[in-house]
Amino acid sequence: MKKSFTILELLIIVALISILATAAIYFFNPFQQIHKAQDAKRKNDLDKLKKAFEDYYNDKGCYPKPSEVCYDEPINLCTGVGSNKKINNQICHICGNESDSPSFTPYLSKLPCDPTHPSKKYLYQVEGDTSISCSLSTEKACPQRYKIFSQFGSVSDKASDDLGCTLKGCGPARPAPPLPSVPYGYDYGVSSPNIAIKGSSSYTCYNITCQMCNTYARCMDPDISPGCVGRPLYSSCQACQIAHGGNPGACPFANSYDF
């Protein structure tokens, strides 16, 4: 007589398979593995750009202008007040897949593009011309400093932490339209040798209200910021306010772009 499984045995087998499948997803999260692979590409892309930009500098004595590597018009980041506002830096985006992307041969056959573009984009930040009014659209004739930033898909990455970019704590210190109202927002970056990537110095924790606690290290120190331990932490006051339904305009902005 052929033996068959009882309903109870089948239920036990299904339950065991479900437990094993859940454990496999937990320990070998496929989405997390995809994010890590994409982040590895982002690091590699930025390293390629840095090498190409140094080759360009060795040939021309300048780093590329936005129009030479970006597919969009540069946005002015300005300092000063009123009519005295001057261009401090300019930002734009790099992606060789865009139809308006310029050619950068012979330094690169094709400019790299974020693997999830346009959801995430590589940001190019170059020093502007501090003698030019913010209302004018112009480029620095011979840029001498630059930074390139990327956003990661992984929640945590050692390379991001090592740079001081934890919790998206790197990038332009203040946004400029049409960028979002939250400053920083990037997890990783490379730069010219004469300037360093710096993380946010205005981390904020949420403990009933948004409380600025300075650097990430100070926010995590129970002796310096006891009210922040175990609380949600953000790379800027604006990010905290938006996350908790407040008015981002109530947050103070940095006095400079810290370029």
Protein backbone atom coordinates (compact mmCIF):
# COMPACT_ATOMS: atom_id res chain seq x y z
CA MET A 1 0.00 0.00 0.00
CA LYS A 2 1.40 3.39 -1.05
CA LYS A 3 1.95 5.67 1.91
CA SER A 4 0.89 9.34 1.59
CA PHE A 5 1.48 12.41 3.72
CA THR A 6 -1.15 13.45 6.21
CA ILE A 7 -2.43 17.02 6.27
CA LEU A 8 -0.55 17.59 9.52
CA GLU A 9 2.71 16.39 7.99
CA LEU A 10 2.21 18.61 4.96
CA LEU A 11 1.57 21.61 7.22
CA ILE A 12 4.76 20.85 9.16
CA ILE A 13 6.77 20.61 5.92
CA VAL A 14 5.31 23.90 4.62
CA ALA A 15 6.08 25.56 7.94
CA LEU A 16 9.69 24.31 7.86
CA ILE A 17 10.14 25.53 4.28
CA SER A 18 8.74 28.91 5.24
CA ILE A 19 11.11 29.18 8.20
CA LEU A 20 14.11 28.22 6.06
CA ALA A 21 13.08 30.67 3.32
CA THR A 22 12.66 33.47 5.85
CA ALA A 23 16.07 32.71 7.36
CA ALA A 24 17.67 32.68 3.90
CA ILE A 25 16.16 36.05 3.05
CA TYR A 26 17.29 37.44 6.42
CA PHE A 27 20.89 36.25 6.11
CA PHE A 28 21.22 36.58 2.32
CA ASN A 29 18.99 39.56 1.63
CA PRO A 30 18.99 39.74 -2.20
CA PHE A 31 17.96 43.37 -2.25
CA GLN A 32 20.78 44.28 0.13
CA GLN A 33 23.22 42.37 -2.07
CA ILE A 34 21.98 44.34 -5.10
CA HIS A 35 22.44 47.61 -3.18
CA LYS A 36 25.98 46.62 -2.20
CA ALA A 37 26.85 45.76 -5.81
CA GLN A 38 25.46 49.11 -6.97
CA ASP A 39 27.42 50.93 -4.26
CA ALA A 40 30.60 49.16 -5.35
CA LYS A 41 29.98 50.44 -8.88
CA ARG A 42 29.45 53.97 -7.53
CA LYS A 43 32.80 53.90 -5.73
CA ASN A 44 34.49 52.56 -8.85
CA ASP A 45 32.83 55.20 -11.05
CA LEU A 46 33.96 58.05 -8.81
CA ASP A 47 37.49 56.65 -8.68
CA LYS A 48 37.50 56.57 -12.50
CA LEU A 49 36.31 60.17 -12.64
CA LYS A 50 38.97 61.26 -10.17
CA LYS A 51 41.73 59.64 -12.23
CA ALA A 52 40.38 61.12 -15.46
CA PHE A 53 40.09 64.58 -13.90
CA GLU A 54 43.70 64.41 -12.70
CA ASP A 55 44.82 63.43 -16.21
CA TYR A 56 42.83 66.38 -17.54
CA TYR A 57 44.45 68.70 -14.98
CA ASN A 58 47.94 67.49 -15.89
CA ASP A 59 47.23 68.38 -19.52
CA LYS A 60 45.40 71.68 -19.08
CA GLY A 61 46.27 73.02 -15.61
CA CYS A 62 42.55 73.18 -14.76
CA TYR A 63 39.81 70.78 -13.74
CA PRO A 64 36.81 70.34 -16.07
CA LYS A 65 34.21 73.09 -16.20
CA PRO A 66 30.58 71.99 -15.64
CA SER A 67 29.83 72.29 -19.36
CA GLU A 68 32.63 69.81 -20.11
CA VAL A 69 31.26 66.95 -17.98
CA CYS A 70 27.66 67.73 -16.96
CA TYR A 71 24.49 67.16 -18.96
CA ASP A 72 22.53 69.91 -17.17
CA GLU A 73 23.07 73.61 -16.54
CA PRO A 74 25.14 74.40 -13.42
CA ILE A 75 23.31 75.78 -10.40
CA ASN A 76 24.99 78.66 -8.57
CA LEU A 77 25.67 78.32 -4.84
CA CYS A 78 26.13 81.85 -3.58
CA THR A 79 27.28 83.71 -0.49
CA GLY A 80 26.55 87.24 0.63
CA VAL A 81 23.37 89.27 0.98
CA GLY A 82 21.09 90.88 -1.60
CA SER A 83 22.87 92.49 -4.54
CA ASN A 84 26.23 91.58 -2.97
CA LYS A 85 25.62 87.84 -3.37
CA LYS A 86 28.47 86.27 -5.33
CA ILE A 87 28.91 82.84 -6.86
CA ASN A 88 30.78 80.66 -4.39
CA ASN A 89 30.40 77.26 -6.06
CA GLN A 90 28.50 75.58 -8.84
CA ILE A 91 26.86 72.16 -8.93
CA CYS A 92 25.62 69.98 -11.78
CA HIS A 93 25.15 66.30 -12.58
CA ILE A 94 27.20 63.74 -14.49
CA CYS A 95 25.69 60.92 -16.54
CA GLY A 96 26.97 59.72 -19.89
CA ASN A 97 23.62 58.13 -20.74
CA GLU A 98 21.92 61.51 -21.04
CA SER A 99 21.54 62.85 -24.58
CA ASP A 100 22.98 66.23 -23.52
CA SER A 101 26.04 64.71 -21.88
CA PRO A 102 29.25 66.09 -23.43
CA SER A 103 32.05 63.92 -24.77
CA PHE A 104 35.03 63.59 -22.46
CA THR A 105 37.37 61.72 -24.77
CA PRO A 106 40.21 60.87 -24.69
CA TYR A 107 40.04 60.86 -20.88
CA LEU A 108 36.96 58.63 -20.73
CA SER A 109 35.22 56.93 -23.64
CA LYS A 110 31.93 57.58 -21.82
CA LEU A 111 31.18 59.44 -18.61
CA PRO A 112 29.80 57.10 -15.93
CA CYS A 113 26.24 57.19 -14.73
CA ASP A 114 24.72 56.17 -11.41
CA PRO A 115 23.32 52.61 -11.75
CA THR A 116 19.85 53.84 -10.71
CA HIS A 117 19.91 57.14 -12.64
CA PRO A 118 17.84 59.31 -12.58
CA SER A 119 16.66 58.17 -9.15
CA LYS A 120 20.18 58.87 -7.86
CA LYS A 121 22.69 61.13 -9.60
CA TYR A 122 26.40 61.91 -9.42
CA LEU A 123 26.82 65.50 -8.24
CA TYR A 124 29.76 67.57 -9.47
CA GLN A 125 30.69 70.58 -7.30
CA VAL A 126 33.28 73.03 -8.58
CA GLU A 127 34.47 76.36 -7.19
CA GLY A 128 32.76 79.32 -8.81
CA ASP A 129 33.89 82.84 -9.56
CA THR A 130 33.51 84.92 -6.40
CA SER A 131 33.70 88.14 -8.44
CA ILE A 132 30.52 87.33 -10.41
CA SER A 133 27.00 88.21 -9.24
CA CYS A 134 24.85 85.28 -8.18
CA SER A 135 22.16 86.33 -10.66
CA LEU A 136 24.46 85.65 -13.61
CA SER A 137 25.05 82.28 -15.20
CA THR A 138 28.75 81.78 -15.79
CA GLU A 139 31.53 79.26 -15.32
CA LYS A 140 34.87 79.49 -13.62
CA ALA A 141 37.37 79.81 -16.47
CA CYS A 142 39.93 77.49 -14.86
CA PRO A 143 38.58 75.50 -11.88
CA GLN A 144 41.23 74.52 -9.36
CA ARG A 145 39.12 72.46 -6.96
CA TYR A 146 36.23 70.03 -7.24
CA LYS A 147 34.19 67.41 -5.41
CA ILE A 148 32.02 64.60 -6.76
CA PHE A 149 29.31 63.04 -4.59
CA SER A 150 27.13 59.95 -4.80
CA GLN A 151 24.23 58.48 -2.86
CA PHE A 152 24.39 54.87 -1.70
CA GLY A 153 21.63 52.29 -1.65
CA SER A 154 22.94 50.56 1.49
CA VAL A 155 21.92 51.88 4.88
CA SER A 156 25.44 51.53 6.24
CA ASP A 157 28.79 51.44 4.47
CA LYS A 158 32.28 51.59 5.99
CA ALA A 159 33.59 53.82 3.19
CA SER A 160 30.87 56.34 4.00
CA ASP A 161 31.64 56.22 7.71
CA ASP A 162 35.38 56.58 7.10
CA LEU A 163 34.79 59.78 5.11
CA GLY A 164 32.54 61.24 7.78
CA CYS A 165 29.49 60.97 5.54
CA THR A 166 27.40 58.85 7.90
CA LEU A 167 23.62 59.25 7.47
CA LYS A 168 24.08 61.16 4.19
CA GLY A 169 26.21 63.77 5.93
CA CYS A 170 28.21 64.93 2.89
CA GLY A 171 27.44 67.26 0.02
CA PRO A 172 26.67 70.97 -0.36
CA ALA A 173 25.97 72.45 3.07
CA ARG A 174 23.02 74.45 1.73
CA PRO A 175 20.67 73.52 -1.08
CA ALA A 176 19.90 75.69 -4.08
CA PRO A 177 16.70 75.57 -6.16
CA PRO A 178 15.62 73.29 -7.70
CA LEU A 179 17.43 70.96 -5.27
CA PRO A 180 15.46 69.65 -2.25
CA SER A 181 15.36 71.84 0.84
CA VAL A 182 17.50 69.35 2.79
CA PRO A 183 21.27 70.07 2.71
CA TYR A 184 24.01 67.43 2.44
CA GLY A 185 22.25 64.19 1.42
CA TYR A 186 25.23 62.25 -0.01
CA ASP A 187 27.00 59.15 1.30
CA TYR A 188 30.32 59.19 -0.52
CA GLY A 189 32.61 61.46 -2.47
CA VAL A 190 35.98 62.09 -4.06
CA SER A 191 37.79 65.39 -4.52
CA SER A 192 40.82 67.11 -5.96
CA PRO A 193 43.97 66.67 -3.81
CA ASN A 194 43.82 70.29 -2.58
CA ILE A 195 40.44 69.95 -0.87
CA ALA A 196 38.99 67.28 1.44
CA ILE A 197 35.54 65.76 1.67
CA LYS A 198 34.01 67.01 4.90
CA GLY A 199 30.95 65.65 6.66
CA SER A 200 28.19 67.64 8.28
CA SER A 201 28.95 69.48 11.50
CA SER A 202 25.27 70.07 12.22
CA TYR A 203 23.85 66.62 13.02
CA THR A 204 20.51 66.74 14.79
CA CYS A 205 18.69 64.22 16.95
CA TYR A 206 14.98 64.05 17.61
CA ASN A 207 13.93 63.99 21.25
CA ILE A 208 10.44 65.56 21.34
CA THR A 209 11.99 68.36 19.28
CA CYS A 210 14.88 68.54 16.81
CA GLN A 211 18.04 69.22 18.80
CA MET A 212 21.30 70.15 17.05
CA CYS A 213 24.22 68.25 18.59
CA ASN A 214 27.15 69.15 16.30
CA THR A 215 29.26 66.36 14.77
CA TYR A 216 28.18 62.73 14.52
CA ALA A 217 30.73 61.74 17.18
CA ARG A 218 29.43 64.37 19.61
CA CYS A 219 25.84 63.30 18.99
CA MET A 220 26.76 59.70 19.81
CA ASP A 221 28.67 60.60 22.99
CA PRO A 222 26.40 60.04 26.05
CA ASP A 223 28.48 62.47 28.12
CA ILE A 224 28.12 65.32 25.60
CA SER A 225 24.64 64.63 24.18
CA PRO A 226 22.82 62.37 26.67
CA GLY A 227 19.43 63.34 25.24
CA CYS A 228 20.40 61.98 21.82
CA VAL A 229 21.47 58.46 22.76
CA GLY A 230 19.10 55.97 21.18
CA ARG A 231 17.16 58.70 19.40
CA PRO A 232 16.70 59.16 15.62
CA LEU A 233 19.68 61.04 14.18
CA TYR A 234 19.82 63.19 11.03
CA SER A 235 22.64 64.87 9.13
CA SER A 236 20.93 68.26 9.33
CA CYS A 237 18.27 70.14 11.26
CA GLN A 238 16.28 70.49 8.05
CA ALA A 239 16.16 66.72 7.55
CA CYS A 240 14.96 66.27 11.14
CA GLN A 241 12.26 68.93 10.78
CA ILE A 242 10.94 67.45 7.55
CA ALA A 243 10.95 63.90 8.96
CA HIS A 244 8.85 65.03 11.91
CA GLY A 245 6.47 67.38 10.15
CA GLY A 246 8.10 70.64 11.20
CA ASN A 247 8.95 73.76 9.26
CA PRO A 248 12.41 73.36 7.69
CA GLY A 249 12.64 77.17 7.49
CA ALA A 250 12.93 77.24 11.27
CA CYS A 251 16.36 75.64 11.08
CA PRO A 252 19.49 77.79 10.86
CA PHE A 253 21.60 77.47 7.72
CA ALA A 254 25.37 77.26 7.69
CA ASN A 255 27.15 80.57 7.05
CA SER A 256 29.20 79.15 4.19
CA TYR A 257 29.32 76.21 1.87
CA ASP A 258 32.47 74.80 3.48
CA PHE A 259 33.90 74.03 0.04
